[in-house]
Amino acid sequence: MSDEHTTDDAFERELANARSLLDAEDVTAIHVGVVHGEEVDTAFAQTADDPEGEGLRALTLLATHLRLVAEEAGVDYETVAADAARLADSVEELPDMGDDSGSQSERED
């Protein structure tokens, strides 16, 4: 079996897993990022009873994502967090976040 075929299979398994996670009835927060070539689409939504709870959920999602990226890259999560903070200045500005959709996109449609 080729490495490309193995990579494709792993990607399809993870994509199916992500879809099943989104289908769960008890989801209270999501952050999804999708790459289309050089462009990135993101969506973020959550429910919470208070702003502090919302902030904590958002940070928990971010921290979990940083640890996942660090594990995949074989580096410590502090390095990934520092790199992400530096990159945050260079990514395109997100569109107006005042809409009701909870969706954010960096891609121009």
Protein backbone atom coordinates (compact mmCIF):
# COMPACT_ATOMS: atom_id res chain seq x y z
CA MET A 1 0.00 0.00 0.00
CA SER A 2 1.46 3.39 -0.96
CA ASP A 3 2.01 6.21 1.50
CA GLU A 4 -0.39 8.41 -0.52
CA HIS A 5 -3.14 5.78 -0.28
CA THR A 6 -2.52 5.40 3.47
CA THR A 7 -2.65 9.19 3.90
CA ASP A 8 -5.89 9.40 1.91
CA ASP A 9 -7.44 6.62 4.03
CA ALA A 10 -6.40 8.33 7.26
CA PHE A 11 -7.82 11.65 6.03
CA GLU A 12 -11.14 10.04 5.08
CA ARG A 13 -11.36 8.35 8.51
CA GLU A 14 -10.71 11.65 10.31
CA LEU A 15 -13.20 13.48 8.08
CA ALA A 16 -15.87 10.86 8.89
CA ASN A 17 -15.02 11.19 12.59
CA ALA A 18 -15.39 14.99 12.42
CA ARG A 19 -18.77 14.67 10.73
CA SER A 20 -20.00 12.24 13.39
CA LEU A 21 -18.83 14.60 16.15
CA LEU A 22 -20.85 17.43 14.58
CA ASP A 23 -23.94 15.21 14.42
CA ALA A 24 -24.01 14.66 18.20
CA GLU A 25 -27.06 16.05 20.01
CA ASP A 26 -25.13 17.45 22.99
CA VAL A 27 -22.63 19.71 21.17
CA THR A 28 -22.23 23.05 22.99
CA ALA A 29 -19.25 24.50 21.11
CA ILE A 30 -17.49 23.96 17.79
CA HIS A 31 -14.52 25.36 15.95
CA VAL A 32 -14.01 24.05 12.44
CA GLY A 33 -11.27 25.03 10.02
CA VAL A 34 -11.26 23.93 6.39
CA VAL A 35 -8.41 24.53 3.94
CA HIS A 36 -9.15 24.96 0.23
CA GLY A 37 -5.75 25.18 -1.47
CA GLU A 38 -4.33 28.47 -0.16
CA GLU A 39 -7.59 29.66 1.43
CA VAL A 40 -9.01 28.94 4.88
CA ASP A 41 -12.64 28.89 6.00
CA THR A 42 -13.49 28.74 9.67
CA ALA A 43 -16.66 28.45 11.69
CA PHE A 44 -17.05 28.97 15.41
CA ALA A 45 -20.24 28.65 17.44
CA GLN A 46 -21.05 28.02 21.07
CA THR A 47 -23.72 28.21 23.69
CA ALA A 48 -23.06 29.33 27.25
CA ASP A 49 -24.99 30.99 30.03
CA ASP A 50 -22.44 33.73 30.61
CA PRO A 51 -19.58 35.56 28.84
CA GLU A 52 -17.00 33.99 31.16
CA GLY A 53 -18.21 30.50 30.20
CA GLU A 54 -18.07 31.43 26.52
CA GLY A 55 -14.52 32.71 26.89
CA LEU A 56 -13.44 29.59 28.74
CA ARG A 57 -14.94 27.31 26.09
CA ALA A 58 -13.23 29.25 23.30
CA LEU A 59 -9.88 29.02 25.08
CA THR A 60 -10.38 25.32 25.82
CA LEU A 61 -11.01 24.64 22.12
CA LEU A 62 -7.90 26.63 21.22
CA ALA A 63 -5.75 24.86 23.82
CA THR A 64 -6.94 21.45 22.68
CA HIS A 65 -6.19 22.34 19.07
CA LEU A 66 -2.69 23.56 20.00
CA ARG A 67 -1.95 20.28 21.78
CA LEU A 68 -3.19 18.29 18.78
CA VAL A 69 -1.01 20.28 16.37
CA ALA A 70 1.98 19.89 18.69
CA GLU A 71 1.47 16.13 18.90
CA GLU A 72 1.18 15.84 15.11
CA ALA A 73 4.35 17.94 14.66
CA GLY A 74 6.27 16.17 17.42
CA VAL A 75 7.01 19.41 19.31
CA ASP A 76 5.90 20.86 22.63
CA TYR A 77 2.65 22.82 22.72
CA GLU A 78 4.37 25.95 24.06
CA THR A 79 6.30 26.19 20.78
CA VAL A 80 3.12 25.78 18.75
CA ALA A 81 1.35 28.42 20.86
CA ALA A 82 4.20 30.90 20.40
CA ASP A 83 4.31 30.25 16.64
CA ALA A 84 0.52 30.61 16.40
CA ALA A 85 0.63 33.92 18.29
CA ARG A 86 3.25 35.24 15.85
CA LEU A 87 1.23 34.03 12.85
CA ALA A 88 -1.98 35.61 14.17
CA ASP A 89 -0.63 39.01 13.12
CA SER A 90 -0.08 37.88 9.54
CA VAL A 91 -3.38 36.14 8.76
CA GLU A 92 -6.07 38.05 6.97
CA GLU A 93 -8.51 39.95 9.12
CA LEU A 94 -11.73 38.08 9.80
CA PRO A 95 -14.95 39.60 8.50
CA ASP A 96 -17.42 41.37 10.78
CA MET A 97 -18.12 39.06 13.71
CA GLY A 98 -21.33 40.88 14.60
CA ASP A 99 -23.54 38.70 12.40
CA ASP A 100 -25.84 36.09 13.90
CA SER A 101 -24.39 33.11 12.04
CA GLY A 102 -21.39 32.54 14.29
CA SER A 103 -19.45 31.71 11.14
CA GLN A 104 -16.17 33.36 10.22
CA SER A 105 -14.46 33.06 6.88
CA GLU A 106 -11.09 34.26 5.69
CA ARG A 107 -11.89 33.30 2.12
CA GLU A 108 -13.35 35.80 -0.30
CA ASP A 109 -16.32 34.20 -2.08
